[in-house]
Amino acid sequence: MTRVLILLLSATVASAQNWTQWGANARHESATAASGQRLDRVEAEFVIDPFVIAEETEAGGDLLTHYPVPLVDGDDLFLILKGGSYTNFSNRGTQTWNVRAVRRSGVAYAVRWTYASDWKPVPTPGGGGPSWEPVYHPALTSDAVWAPGAGGTIDRISRIDGKRIARFDPFGNDASVFVTGPPAIDDAGNIYYNAIKLDTSAPWTNDAHGAWLVKIGADGSTSKVAFSSIVSGAPAASAKCSTNFTNSQLPWPPAPNAVAPTITCGSQRPGINVAPAVASDGTIYTISRAHFNDRWGYLVAVNSNLTPKWTATLRNRFNDGCNVMIPPNGTPGGCRAGAATGVDPAENLPGSGRVSDNSTSSPVVAPDGRIIYGSYTRYNYSQGHLMSFAADGTFVAAYGWGWDLTPAIYRHDGTYSLLLKENHYDAAPYCSVASPSCPSDRTFTTPFDPEQYFITQLDPSLQVQWKFRNTETKSCIRLDTGVQCIDDHPAGFEWCVNAVAVDSRGVVYANAEDGNVYAIDQGGVLRQRMFLNLALGAAYTPLSIGSDGRIYTQNFGTMSVIVSDVEPRRRATLH
């Protein structure tokens, strides 16, 4: 029996042209060796979330739901399909999450099977925890779909008939354990994922009861290691950690020498949507944070046998706050007069990369061994910071954008580039309350860093190579009578994507809230765009590219397959 299992699990390495997991591969490069097709027509559409109207209504116009990347292997497409019923943000567990297998034959798309998972997101009774719905995310090997289940489990599902072959349960059927993000499958067929054990009655006011990095070996073995064993240098769970000043003390910092208040740190545990990344040498990278304080985060490196390798803090890495990315001290939107240049005004310390549970940011392993992570920071208009670490954990550089981002890697000319969204939001600089000290949101006419939205390419040292700006000003909707538009967005539209896709030519594919999917050539030149439907307030969603160049993109709970219009054909629609 064991020998058969080894044979079944070892045939796992997929073509570099297939998109089999978050970020396309275990390094999360979000790139393919294929050439993307032209954006000419929608060949097929699939509703994956029937609750988008209710979700958006409750959030006041925003779709606070994370979706997985469409998984593609040749003619096989694997989606999620939400079912059950939608209640509200505090009781998302009334929904169900299913894996649906679809096969394309010519222009026809046929549902082959649907697997009903018992996975549930981390609970949020009475509020607290992530306000965005966490992502349910399977991954592919050559013969199986690996999907999170209840109690911290992973199900191995046959790609042939959708039946469960095995359930891997490292936690003994413990309903208080939750898979907290996408699994990663390395080139050898090993599977890694993060899990957390919570007090389900009060998960965010009581400390986490445990957190683990789990490994399912290519030989079918299961092992795990506690975050308390692999995260070094972090404060004890009972220690006091620095947090932000109170709103009554605005403008921040309250005085040039003010010391920020502290709260209990809580145990170290994974960010809720983090997918581990695995380097070619087998090193696993994941992201940890203090349970009660997202300002105390760490990049964690673990050997393939789950022994600790190193831990790098995200704390106090930036010096671009007051008087730098924030308007001058003492001016509207600026820090208090006399504040030290460069500090995060909320703590009066150098800025820190925060690990937000509302983000899907996951580490990326670059071709030179550097590890890239998109952290959150509030003080720079909620843009966050992209952080770069050397393979030994040394902090290298940062770039002033990182919120909810897993950047893509474009390999070229013996080097590589990083591709990312860069939304300069219509937000106040560092505070979020109605106060004379917290001015109104910036606009496209704001003199200091106006509202605008880019796709940006960086070199390995995080220097800008080019930017492409969204200059669309019209909101358009698709009606039975055609497309109707109004000119109401002078600053352009946000890029509603948390992971762009890059093809072999360096063409970048990304969604925007104007309802278009864009193809952008190297140099930041528009290649083509295609209108789907207006997506204001839409969830940040990842794209993927098939081995034949088809583009798989998501808009308002619907996944679309986009192809070149070589021979116009009837659009196929499945629900």
Protein backbone atom coordinates (compact mmCIF):
# COMPACT_ATOMS: atom_id res chain seq x y z
CA MET A 1 0.00 0.00 0.00
CA THR A 2 2.77 2.45 0.91
CA ARG A 3 4.65 1.70 -2.29
CA VAL A 4 1.60 2.38 -4.43
CA LEU A 5 1.01 5.64 -2.59
CA ILE A 6 4.60 6.72 -3.26
CA LEU A 7 4.18 6.07 -6.96
CA LEU A 8 0.94 8.01 -7.10
CA LEU A 9 2.26 11.02 -5.23
CA SER A 10 5.60 11.26 -6.99
CA ALA A 11 4.19 12.05 -10.44
CA THR A 12 3.55 15.66 -9.53
CA VAL A 13 5.76 17.98 -11.54
CA ALA A 14 3.64 19.94 -13.99
CA SER A 15 4.66 21.83 -17.11
CA ALA A 16 5.97 25.35 -16.63
CA GLN A 17 3.17 26.42 -18.95
CA ASN A 18 0.43 25.25 -16.57
CA TRP A 19 -0.95 27.32 -13.70
CA THR A 20 -1.36 24.85 -10.86
CA GLN A 21 -1.35 26.91 -7.65
CA TRP A 22 -1.19 30.38 -6.13
CA GLY A 23 1.48 32.27 -8.06
CA ALA A 24 1.62 29.51 -10.73
CA ASN A 25 4.44 27.60 -9.01
CA ALA A 26 5.96 27.00 -5.60
CA ARG A 27 8.12 30.15 -5.89
CA HIS A 28 4.99 32.23 -6.69
CA GLU A 29 6.41 33.75 -9.87
CA SER A 30 2.96 34.26 -11.51
CA ALA A 31 4.61 33.72 -14.88
CA THR A 32 4.32 31.29 -17.77
CA ALA A 33 6.46 30.06 -20.65
CA ALA A 34 3.43 30.46 -22.92
CA SER A 35 2.43 33.53 -24.92
CA GLY A 36 -0.86 35.08 -23.91
CA GLN A 37 -3.61 35.29 -26.50
CA ARG A 38 -5.12 38.54 -27.69
CA LEU A 39 -7.95 40.02 -25.64
CA ASP A 40 -10.60 39.77 -28.34
CA ARG A 41 -13.59 37.88 -26.96
CA VAL A 42 -14.97 36.01 -23.99
CA GLU A 43 -15.16 32.35 -24.89
CA ALA A 44 -16.81 31.17 -21.67
CA GLU A 45 -18.09 32.51 -18.36
CA PHE A 46 -18.51 30.77 -15.01
CA VAL A 47 -20.30 32.18 -12.00
CA ILE A 48 -18.18 31.23 -8.99
CA ASP A 49 -19.83 33.38 -6.32
CA PRO A 50 -23.63 33.79 -6.34
CA PHE A 51 -23.54 36.06 -3.27
CA VAL A 52 -21.68 39.07 -4.63
CA ILE A 53 -24.63 41.46 -4.49
CA ALA A 54 -25.33 40.63 -0.83
CA GLU A 55 -21.61 40.81 0.01
CA GLU A 56 -21.16 44.15 -1.69
CA THR A 57 -24.35 45.59 -0.20
CA GLU A 58 -23.27 44.74 3.34
CA ALA A 59 -19.86 46.35 2.76
CA GLY A 60 -21.36 49.57 1.41
CA GLY A 61 -20.30 48.98 -2.18
CA ASP A 62 -17.08 47.01 -1.76
CA LEU A 63 -16.65 43.31 -2.49
CA LEU A 64 -14.55 42.16 0.47
CA THR A 65 -14.06 38.61 -0.74
CA HIS A 66 -10.84 36.88 -1.75
CA TYR A 67 -10.96 34.43 -4.65
CA PRO A 68 -8.42 31.79 -5.71
CA VAL A 69 -6.51 31.94 -8.96
CA PRO A 70 -8.17 29.87 -11.71
CA LEU A 71 -6.11 26.67 -11.98
CA VAL A 72 -5.31 25.44 -15.49
CA ASP A 73 -3.64 22.27 -16.75
CA GLY A 74 -3.96 21.84 -20.51
CA ASP A 75 -7.68 21.63 -21.31
CA ASP A 76 -8.62 21.13 -17.67
CA LEU A 77 -9.85 24.07 -15.62
CA PHE A 78 -10.43 23.97 -11.85
CA LEU A 79 -12.56 26.62 -10.17
CA ILE A 80 -14.23 27.15 -6.85
CA LEU A 81 -18.00 27.43 -6.60
CA LYS A 82 -19.58 28.92 -3.50
CA GLY A 83 -22.86 27.48 -2.24
CA GLY A 84 -24.96 27.28 0.89
CA SER A 85 -26.38 30.62 1.99
CA TYR A 86 -24.92 34.03 2.74
CA THR A 87 -25.69 35.45 6.19
CA ASN A 88 -23.26 38.27 7.00
CA PHE A 89 -19.60 39.06 7.70
CA SER A 90 -19.84 37.64 11.21
CA ASN A 91 -21.22 34.30 10.07
CA ARG A 92 -19.59 33.39 6.77
CA GLY A 93 -19.65 29.72 7.75
CA THR A 94 -23.19 29.32 6.40
CA GLN A 95 -21.60 29.32 2.95
CA THR A 96 -19.97 26.26 1.41
CA TRP A 97 -16.92 26.06 -0.83
CA ASN A 98 -16.70 23.55 -3.67
CA VAL A 99 -14.08 22.58 -6.23
CA ARG A 100 -15.44 22.35 -9.78
CA ALA A 101 -13.60 20.59 -12.62
CA VAL A 102 -14.33 21.76 -16.16
CA ARG A 103 -12.88 20.39 -19.39
CA ARG A 104 -12.65 22.23 -22.68
CA SER A 105 -13.13 20.40 -25.96
CA GLY A 106 -12.82 22.78 -28.87
CA VAL A 107 -15.08 25.64 -27.87
CA ALA A 108 -17.29 23.56 -25.58
CA TYR A 109 -16.83 23.58 -21.81
CA ALA A 110 -18.27 20.71 -19.81
CA VAL A 111 -18.49 20.35 -16.04
CA ARG A 112 -16.92 17.01 -15.16
CA TRP A 113 -17.50 16.98 -11.42
CA THR A 114 -18.00 19.14 -8.34
CA TYR A 115 -16.44 18.30 -4.99
CA ALA A 116 -18.18 19.58 -1.86
CA SER A 117 -15.57 20.62 0.68
CA ASP A 118 -16.20 20.95 4.41
CA TRP A 119 -13.59 23.73 4.76
CA LYS A 120 -14.63 26.83 6.65
CA PRO A 121 -12.87 30.18 7.05
CA VAL A 122 -11.62 31.30 10.44
CA PRO A 123 -14.63 32.37 12.53
CA THR A 124 -15.50 36.00 13.24
CA PRO A 125 -18.32 35.84 15.83
CA GLY A 126 -19.48 39.31 16.76
CA GLY A 127 -16.73 40.87 14.65
CA GLY A 128 -12.96 40.84 14.98
CA GLY A 129 -10.50 38.99 12.82
CA PRO A 130 -10.35 39.50 9.06
CA SER A 131 -13.13 41.64 7.62
CA TRP A 132 -12.35 40.32 4.14
CA GLU A 133 -13.51 36.76 3.47
CA PRO A 134 -10.41 34.52 3.54
CA VAL A 135 -9.47 32.64 0.41
CA TYR A 136 -10.36 28.99 -0.17
CA HIS A 137 -7.67 27.72 -2.51
CA PRO A 138 -6.88 24.27 -3.98
CA ALA A 139 -3.71 23.26 -5.86
CA LEU A 140 -2.96 20.70 -8.61
CA THR A 141 -0.65 17.78 -9.16
CA SER A 142 -0.69 15.57 -12.23
CA ASP A 143 -3.38 13.23 -10.90
CA ALA A 144 -5.02 15.02 -8.00
CA VAL A 145 -6.52 18.21 -6.66
CA TRP A 146 -5.37 19.11 -3.15
CA ALA A 147 -8.05 21.08 -1.35
CA PRO A 148 -8.24 22.42 2.22
CA GLY A 149 -10.79 20.76 4.47
CA ALA A 150 -12.17 21.15 7.97
CA GLY A 151 -10.01 20.75 11.05
CA GLY A 152 -6.73 21.75 9.40
CA THR A 153 -6.93 18.92 6.85
CA ILE A 154 -6.06 18.62 3.18
CA ASP A 155 -8.11 16.40 0.87
CA ARG A 156 -6.54 14.59 -2.07
CA ILE A 157 -9.20 14.46 -4.78
CA SER A 158 -9.06 12.39 -7.94
CA ARG A 159 -8.86 14.52 -11.06
CA ILE A 160 -10.69 11.76 -12.93
CA ASP A 161 -13.96 11.59 -11.00
CA GLY A 162 -13.77 14.13 -8.17
CA LYS A 163 -13.86 11.55 -5.41
CA ARG A 164 -11.72 11.92 -2.33
CA ILE A 165 -8.77 9.53 -2.40
CA ALA A 166 -7.42 10.44 1.02
CA ARG A 167 -7.70 12.98 3.81
CA PHE A 168 -4.49 14.13 5.49
CA ASP A 169 -5.32 15.04 9.07
CA PRO A 170 -2.37 16.14 11.23
CA PHE A 171 -4.66 17.41 14.02
CA GLY A 172 -6.92 14.49 14.91
CA ASN A 173 -10.26 15.84 13.68
CA ASP A 174 -9.98 19.05 15.73
CA ALA A 175 -12.69 21.46 14.54
CA SER A 176 -10.91 24.43 16.13
CA VAL A 177 -7.98 24.13 13.69
CA PHE A 178 -8.21 26.00 10.38
CA VAL A 179 -6.19 25.92 7.16
CA THR A 180 -5.29 29.59 6.79
CA GLY A 181 -4.19 29.99 3.18
CA PRO A 182 -3.35 28.29 -0.11
CA PRO A 183 -1.17 25.18 -0.11
CA ALA A 184 2.13 25.24 -2.00
CA ILE A 185 3.45 22.25 -3.96
CA ASP A 186 7.18 22.16 -4.65
CA ASP A 187 8.93 20.64 -7.65
CA ALA A 188 9.45 17.36 -5.78
CA GLY A 189 5.74 16.99 -4.97
CA ASN A 190 5.86 18.01 -1.31
CA ILE A 191 2.90 20.06 -0.09
CA TYR A 192 3.12 22.82 2.52
CA TYR A 193 0.44 24.89 4.21
CA ASN A 194 -0.23 26.96 7.32
CA ALA A 195 -2.76 26.15 10.05
CA ILE A 196 -3.99 27.83 13.22
CA LYS A 197 -5.92 26.63 16.28
CA LEU A 198 -8.37 29.18 17.70
CA ASP A 199 -10.70 29.61 20.62
CA THR A 200 -13.79 29.49 18.40
CA SER A 201 -15.97 31.33 20.94
CA ALA A 202 -13.60 34.30 21.14
CA PRO A 203 -10.90 33.79 18.48
CA TRP A 204 -9.62 37.38 18.32
CA THR A 205 -9.83 38.45 21.96
CA ASN A 206 -8.27 35.24 23.27
CA ASP A 207 -4.83 34.14 22.15
CA ALA A 208 -4.34 31.54 19.44
CA HIS A 209 -4.04 28.03 20.87
CA GLY A 210 -1.41 26.97 18.35
CA ALA A 211 -0.07 27.55 14.83
CA TRP A 212 1.83 25.23 12.50
CA LEU A 213 3.57 24.82 9.18
CA VAL A 214 2.41 21.45 7.81
CA LYS A 215 4.17 19.22 5.28
CA ILE A 216 2.64 16.38 3.29
CA GLY A 217 5.62 14.59 1.80
CA ALA A 218 5.72 13.22 -1.73
CA ASP A 219 5.81 9.79 -0.05
CA GLY A 220 2.48 10.44 1.71
CA SER A 221 3.99 11.15 5.14
CA THR A 222 2.58 13.98 7.24
CA SER A 223 4.57 16.19 9.62
CA LYS A 224 4.21 19.60 11.18
CA VAL A 225 6.19 22.14 13.17
CA ALA A 226 4.86 24.78 15.56
CA PHE A 227 5.41 28.45 14.77
CA SER A 228 6.70 28.78 18.33
CA SER A 229 9.61 26.56 17.23
CA ILE A 230 10.47 28.23 13.93
CA VAL A 231 9.93 31.93 14.72
CA SER A 232 12.94 33.19 16.66
CA GLY A 233 13.47 36.58 18.24
CA ALA A 234 9.78 37.44 18.60
CA PRO A 235 8.41 38.74 21.92
CA ALA A 236 6.73 36.21 24.18
CA ALA A 237 2.97 35.86 23.79
CA SER A 238 2.46 37.60 27.13
CA ALA A 239 4.91 40.43 26.39
CA LYS A 240 3.83 43.98 25.60
CA CYS A 241 4.21 45.15 21.99
CA SER A 242 4.19 48.71 20.69
CA THR A 243 0.98 49.81 18.97
CA ASN A 244 -0.43 53.10 17.66
CA PHE A 245 -1.28 56.28 19.52
CA THR A 246 -4.97 57.03 20.09
CA ASN A 247 -7.05 59.25 17.80
CA SER A 248 -7.49 61.76 20.63
CA GLN A 249 -3.75 62.46 20.31
CA LEU A 250 -3.81 63.51 16.65
CA PRO A 251 -1.81 64.83 14.94
CA TRP A 252 0.73 62.11 15.60
CA PRO A 253 3.18 61.72 17.17
CA PRO A 254 1.76 63.59 20.21
CA ALA A 255 5.26 64.99 20.91
CA PRO A 256 8.68 64.62 19.27
CA ASN A 257 9.77 62.21 22.02
CA ALA A 258 6.40 60.50 22.59
CA VAL A 259 6.46 56.78 23.32
CA ALA A 260 3.65 54.72 21.79
CA PRO A 261 1.35 52.65 24.02
CA THR A 262 1.65 48.87 24.17
CA ILE A 263 -0.72 45.92 24.11
CA THR A 264 -0.24 42.22 24.75
CA CYS A 265 1.50 40.74 21.72
CA GLY A 266 -0.13 37.32 21.53
CA SER A 267 1.42 34.20 20.05
CA GLN A 268 3.14 34.14 16.69
CA ARG A 269 0.96 32.60 13.99
CA PRO A 270 0.59 32.81 10.18
CA GLY A 271 -1.10 35.63 8.34
CA ILE A 272 -4.56 34.34 7.46
CA ASN A 273 -4.14 34.14 3.66
CA VAL A 274 -0.42 33.45 3.36
CA ALA A 275 0.73 30.71 0.96
CA PRO A 276 4.19 29.36 1.82
CA ALA A 277 6.82 29.69 -0.93
CA VAL A 278 9.45 27.05 -1.65
CA ALA A 279 12.84 27.82 -3.18
CA SER A 280 14.66 25.49 -5.57
CA ASP A 281 16.94 24.37 -2.72
CA GLY A 282 13.91 23.25 -0.69
CA THR A 283 13.83 26.15 1.76
CA ILE A 284 10.28 27.03 2.79
CA TYR A 285 9.32 30.64 3.46
CA THR A 286 6.23 31.77 5.32
CA ILE A 287 4.99 34.87 7.12
CA SER A 288 4.25 35.14 10.83
CA ARG A 289 2.68 37.83 13.03
CA ALA A 290 1.69 38.41 16.64
CA HIS A 291 -1.91 37.30 17.13
CA PHE A 292 -3.03 40.62 18.67
CA ASN A 293 -0.72 43.00 16.83
CA ASP A 294 -0.06 43.00 13.08
CA ARG A 295 2.85 45.43 13.54
CA TRP A 296 5.01 42.58 14.85
CA GLY A 297 5.60 40.39 11.80
CA TYR A 298 8.38 38.14 10.55
CA LEU A 299 9.64 36.41 7.42
CA VAL A 300 10.44 32.84 8.44
CA ALA A 301 12.78 30.44 6.62
CA VAL A 302 12.47 26.72 7.34
CA ASN A 303 14.53 23.80 6.06
CA SER A 304 12.82 21.06 4.07
CA ASN A 305 12.88 18.78 7.16
CA LEU A 306 10.93 21.50 9.04
CA THR A 307 13.85 22.60 11.20
CA PRO A 308 14.27 26.38 11.64
CA LYS A 309 16.72 28.15 9.32
CA TRP A 310 16.36 31.83 10.17
CA THR A 311 13.83 34.52 11.08
CA ALA A 312 13.91 38.09 9.77
CA THR A 313 11.86 40.78 11.47
CA LEU A 314 9.66 43.17 9.49
CA ARG A 315 9.94 45.71 12.32
CA ASN A 316 11.46 49.21 11.97
CA ARG A 317 12.70 48.76 8.40
CA PHE A 318 11.48 52.03 6.80
CA ASN A 319 12.49 55.66 7.18
CA ASP A 320 10.02 57.28 4.80
CA GLY A 321 7.21 58.49 7.08
CA CYS A 322 6.95 62.04 8.46
CA ASN A 323 8.25 64.71 6.04
CA VAL A 324 8.97 62.07 3.35
CA MET A 325 5.92 60.17 2.04
CA ILE A 326 3.68 62.21 4.34
CA PRO A 327 3.11 65.96 3.72
CA PRO A 328 5.45 68.31 5.60
CA ASN A 329 5.16 68.44 9.39
CA GLY A 330 2.65 70.95 10.67
CA THR A 331 0.77 71.17 7.35
CA PRO A 332 -2.65 69.60 6.59
CA GLY A 333 -2.15 65.84 6.48
CA GLY A 334 1.33 66.12 7.91
CA CYS A 335 2.75 64.87 11.18
CA ARG A 336 2.85 67.11 14.25
CA ALA A 337 5.31 69.98 13.98
CA GLY A 338 8.70 68.92 15.31
CA ALA A 339 8.27 65.22 14.57
CA ALA A 340 11.42 63.36 13.50
CA THR A 341 11.75 62.96 9.77
CA GLY A 342 10.99 59.48 8.45
CA VAL A 343 9.17 57.96 11.43
CA ASP A 344 5.81 56.20 11.31
CA PRO A 345 3.69 58.80 13.14
CA ALA A 346 1.51 56.09 14.70
CA GLU A 347 4.44 54.71 16.75
CA ASN A 348 7.06 57.47 16.49
CA LEU A 349 9.49 54.79 15.32
CA PRO A 350 10.89 53.70 11.95
CA GLY A 351 8.11 52.12 9.90
CA SER A 352 7.34 48.41 10.10
CA GLY A 353 5.93 45.98 7.56
CA ARG A 354 2.55 44.93 8.90
CA VAL A 355 0.99 41.50 8.27
CA SER A 356 -2.68 42.21 7.65
CA ASP A 357 -5.18 39.35 7.83
CA ASN A 358 -7.16 41.18 5.13
CA SER A 359 -4.29 40.73 2.69
CA THR A 360 -3.32 37.78 0.49
CA SER A 361 0.32 38.85 0.23
CA SER A 362 2.61 35.82 0.11
CA PRO A 363 6.40 35.58 -0.19
CA VAL A 364 7.99 35.26 -3.64
CA VAL A 365 11.36 33.60 -4.25
CA ALA A 366 13.25 35.50 -6.94
CA PRO A 367 15.73 33.84 -9.35
CA ASP A 368 18.71 35.22 -7.39
CA GLY A 369 17.39 33.78 -4.12
CA ARG A 370 15.96 37.01 -2.75
CA ILE A 371 12.62 36.80 -0.99
CA ILE A 372 10.04 39.47 -1.76
CA TYR A 373 7.04 40.22 0.46
CA GLY A 374 4.26 42.81 0.14
CA SER A 375 3.57 44.22 3.60
CA TYR A 376 0.96 46.72 4.77
CA THR A 377 1.67 50.21 6.10
CA ARG A 378 -1.03 52.76 6.90
CA TYR A 379 1.12 55.88 7.15
CA ASN A 380 1.81 56.08 3.41
CA TYR A 381 -1.84 56.37 2.35
CA SER A 382 -2.40 52.64 3.04
CA GLN A 383 -0.09 51.69 0.18
CA GLY A 384 2.18 49.35 2.12
CA HIS A 385 5.77 48.43 1.26
CA LEU A 386 7.34 45.76 -0.91
CA MET A 387 10.20 44.26 1.11
CA SER A 388 13.26 42.45 -0.25
CA PHE A 389 15.44 40.07 1.79
CA ALA A 390 18.59 38.19 0.80
CA ALA A 391 18.64 34.40 0.95
CA ASP A 392 20.34 34.59 4.37
CA GLY A 393 17.59 36.83 5.81
CA THR A 394 19.40 40.15 5.47
CA PHE A 395 17.01 43.01 4.74
CA VAL A 396 17.98 44.54 1.38
CA ALA A 397 15.50 47.19 0.26
CA ALA A 398 11.89 48.38 0.25
CA TYR A 399 9.57 50.06 -2.25
CA GLY A 400 6.56 52.18 -1.23
CA TRP A 401 3.85 49.84 -2.42
CA GLY A 402 2.92 46.40 -1.06
CA TRP A 403 -0.70 46.15 0.09
CA ASP A 404 -2.41 42.83 -0.78
CA LEU A 405 0.20 41.98 -3.38
CA THR A 406 2.14 38.95 -4.51
CA PRO A 407 4.39 40.42 -7.25
CA ALA A 408 5.15 38.56 -10.46
CA ILE A 409 8.59 37.67 -11.81
CA TYR A 410 9.54 38.33 -15.44
CA ARG A 411 12.79 36.53 -16.34
CA HIS A 412 14.72 38.14 -19.19
CA ASP A 413 18.25 38.81 -20.46
CA GLY A 414 19.93 36.88 -17.67
CA THR A 415 18.11 38.85 -14.96
CA TYR A 416 14.54 39.45 -13.85
CA SER A 417 12.01 42.15 -13.10
CA LEU A 418 9.16 42.44 -10.60
CA LEU A 419 5.63 43.37 -11.70
CA LEU A 420 3.09 44.88 -9.34
CA LYS A 421 0.05 47.07 -9.02
CA GLU A 422 0.65 50.47 -7.46
CA ASN A 423 -2.55 52.23 -6.38
CA HIS A 424 -2.09 55.73 -4.99
CA TYR A 425 -5.43 55.69 -3.20
CA ASP A 426 -7.85 58.52 -2.51
CA ALA A 427 -7.05 58.17 1.20
CA ALA A 428 -5.83 60.41 4.00
CA PRO A 429 -2.07 60.10 4.67
CA TYR A 430 -1.92 58.24 7.98
CA CYS A 431 -5.21 58.51 9.90
CA SER A 432 -8.82 57.57 9.29
CA VAL A 433 -11.08 59.70 11.48
CA ALA A 434 -13.12 62.84 10.96
CA SER A 435 -10.81 65.39 12.52
CA PRO A 436 -9.12 68.67 11.56
CA SER A 437 -5.86 66.79 12.13
CA CYS A 438 -6.90 64.06 9.68
CA PRO A 439 -7.68 65.87 6.40
CA SER A 440 -9.94 64.73 3.61
CA ASP A 441 -8.74 62.11 1.16
CA ARG A 442 -6.26 63.10 -1.51
CA THR A 443 -7.47 63.59 -5.07
CA PHE A 444 -5.84 63.78 -8.48
CA THR A 445 -5.23 67.51 -7.86
CA THR A 446 -3.48 67.02 -4.49
CA PRO A 447 -0.04 68.65 -4.89
CA PHE A 448 1.79 66.11 -2.75
CA ASP A 449 1.56 62.66 -4.37
CA PRO A 450 -1.84 62.93 -6.14
CA GLU A 451 -4.32 60.11 -6.57
CA GLN A 452 -3.29 57.89 -9.51
CA TYR A 453 -3.02 54.21 -10.39
CA PHE A 454 -0.14 52.29 -11.99
CA ILE A 455 1.18 48.93 -13.07
CA THR A 456 4.87 49.17 -12.18
CA GLN A 457 7.96 47.17 -13.14
CA LEU A 458 10.95 47.14 -10.79
CA ASP A 459 14.47 45.80 -11.22
CA PRO A 460 15.94 43.37 -8.63
CA SER A 461 17.07 46.29 -6.45
CA LEU A 462 13.48 47.67 -6.46
CA GLN A 463 14.25 50.57 -8.77
CA VAL A 464 11.51 51.58 -11.21
CA GLN A 465 11.98 50.42 -14.79
CA TRP A 466 8.64 51.65 -16.10
CA LYS A 467 5.09 52.49 -15.10
CA PHE A 468 1.79 52.22 -16.91
CA ARG A 469 -0.90 54.56 -15.62
CA ASN A 470 -4.62 53.89 -15.78
CA THR A 471 -6.00 56.98 -17.52
CA GLU A 472 -9.56 55.78 -18.10
CA THR A 473 -11.99 58.35 -16.69
CA LYS A 474 -15.33 56.77 -17.67
CA SER A 475 -17.45 54.35 -15.67
CA CYS A 476 -19.19 52.01 -18.08
CA ILE A 477 -21.81 49.31 -17.67
CA ARG A 478 -22.98 46.70 -20.12
CA LEU A 479 -26.72 46.89 -20.89
CA ASP A 480 -28.93 44.98 -23.32
CA THR A 481 -28.81 48.07 -25.51
CA GLY A 482 -25.04 48.28 -25.42
CA VAL A 483 -22.35 49.84 -23.22
CA GLN A 484 -23.31 53.04 -21.37
CA CYS A 485 -20.66 55.33 -19.86
CA ILE A 486 -20.36 58.43 -17.69
CA ASP A 487 -17.19 60.47 -17.21
CA ASP A 488 -16.72 60.47 -13.41
CA HIS A 489 -13.20 59.22 -12.55
CA PRO A 490 -10.72 62.01 -13.34
CA ALA A 491 -7.92 60.18 -11.47
CA GLY A 492 -8.44 56.88 -13.28
CA PHE A 493 -9.30 53.54 -11.69
CA GLU A 494 -7.69 51.19 -9.21
CA TRP A 495 -6.02 48.01 -10.36
CA CYS A 496 -8.24 45.36 -8.71
CA VAL A 497 -5.67 42.59 -8.79
CA ASN A 498 -3.57 41.00 -6.05
CA ALA A 499 -1.32 39.09 -8.47
CA VAL A 500 -0.73 40.12 -12.09
CA ALA A 501 0.16 37.49 -14.69
CA VAL A 502 3.19 37.70 -17.02
CA ASP A 503 3.73 35.73 -20.21
CA SER A 504 6.95 34.64 -21.94
CA ARG A 505 7.25 37.95 -23.84
CA GLY A 506 6.90 40.04 -20.70
CA VAL A 507 3.33 41.04 -21.52
CA VAL A 508 1.56 41.87 -18.25
CA TYR A 509 -2.13 41.06 -17.71
CA ALA A 510 -4.13 42.85 -15.01
CA ASN A 511 -7.71 43.78 -14.06
CA ALA A 512 -8.84 47.31 -13.28
CA GLU A 513 -11.95 48.64 -11.55
CA ASP A 514 -12.94 50.29 -14.83
CA GLY A 515 -14.09 46.81 -15.85
CA ASN A 516 -11.30 46.19 -18.34
CA VAL A 517 -8.66 43.50 -18.42
CA TYR A 518 -5.42 44.98 -19.75
CA ALA A 519 -2.45 43.58 -21.66
CA ILE A 520 0.62 45.81 -21.23
CA ASP A 521 3.83 45.44 -23.23
CA GLN A 522 7.31 45.86 -21.84
CA GLY A 523 8.14 49.53 -21.48
CA GLY A 524 4.67 50.25 -20.12
CA VAL A 525 2.92 50.48 -23.48
CA LEU A 526 -0.72 49.47 -23.78
CA ARG A 527 -1.00 46.43 -26.00
CA GLN A 528 -4.73 45.87 -25.73
CA ARG A 529 -7.62 46.00 -23.33
CA MET A 530 -11.05 44.41 -23.22
CA PHE A 531 -14.14 45.58 -21.36
CA LEU A 532 -16.03 43.02 -19.27
CA ASN A 533 -18.20 45.08 -16.92
CA LEU A 534 -17.77 47.84 -14.35
CA ALA A 535 -16.06 46.50 -11.24
CA LEU A 536 -16.17 49.40 -8.76
CA GLY A 537 -15.33 48.21 -5.27
CA ALA A 538 -14.39 44.81 -6.67
CA ALA A 539 -12.32 42.26 -4.82
CA TYR A 540 -8.62 42.06 -5.63
CA THR A 541 -8.41 38.93 -7.78
CA PRO A 542 -5.55 36.96 -9.37
CA LEU A 543 -5.37 36.03 -13.07
CA SER A 544 -3.84 33.02 -14.79
CA ILE A 545 -2.67 32.07 -18.29
CA GLY A 546 -3.16 28.65 -19.83
CA SER A 547 -0.55 26.71 -21.78
CA ASP A 548 -2.37 27.71 -24.98
CA GLY A 549 -2.33 31.38 -23.99
CA ARG A 550 -5.97 31.66 -22.90
CA ILE A 551 -6.48 34.32 -20.22
CA TYR A 552 -8.51 33.43 -17.14
CA THR A 553 -9.74 36.48 -15.28
CA GLN A 554 -12.37 37.32 -12.66
CA ASN A 555 -14.86 40.16 -12.37
CA PHE A 556 -17.59 40.51 -9.73
CA GLY A 557 -17.84 36.81 -8.88
CA THR A 558 -17.65 35.61 -12.49
CA MET A 559 -14.64 33.95 -14.13
CA SER A 560 -14.13 34.62 -17.84
CA VAL A 561 -12.00 32.84 -20.43
CA ILE A 562 -10.59 35.32 -22.95
CA VAL A 563 -9.21 34.28 -26.35
CA SER A 564 -8.03 35.69 -29.65
CA ASP A 565 -10.73 36.34 -32.21
CA VAL A 566 -9.18 34.24 -34.98
CA GLU A 567 -12.46 32.52 -35.75
CA PRO A 568 -15.44 34.18 -34.01
CA ARG A 569 -17.57 31.60 -32.22
CA ARG A 570 -20.57 31.57 -29.91
CA ARG A 571 -19.76 32.29 -26.27
CA ALA A 572 -20.21 29.34 -23.95
CA THR A 573 -21.72 30.06 -20.54
CA LEU A 574 -21.86 27.75 -17.54
CA HIS A 575 -23.31 28.46 -14.13
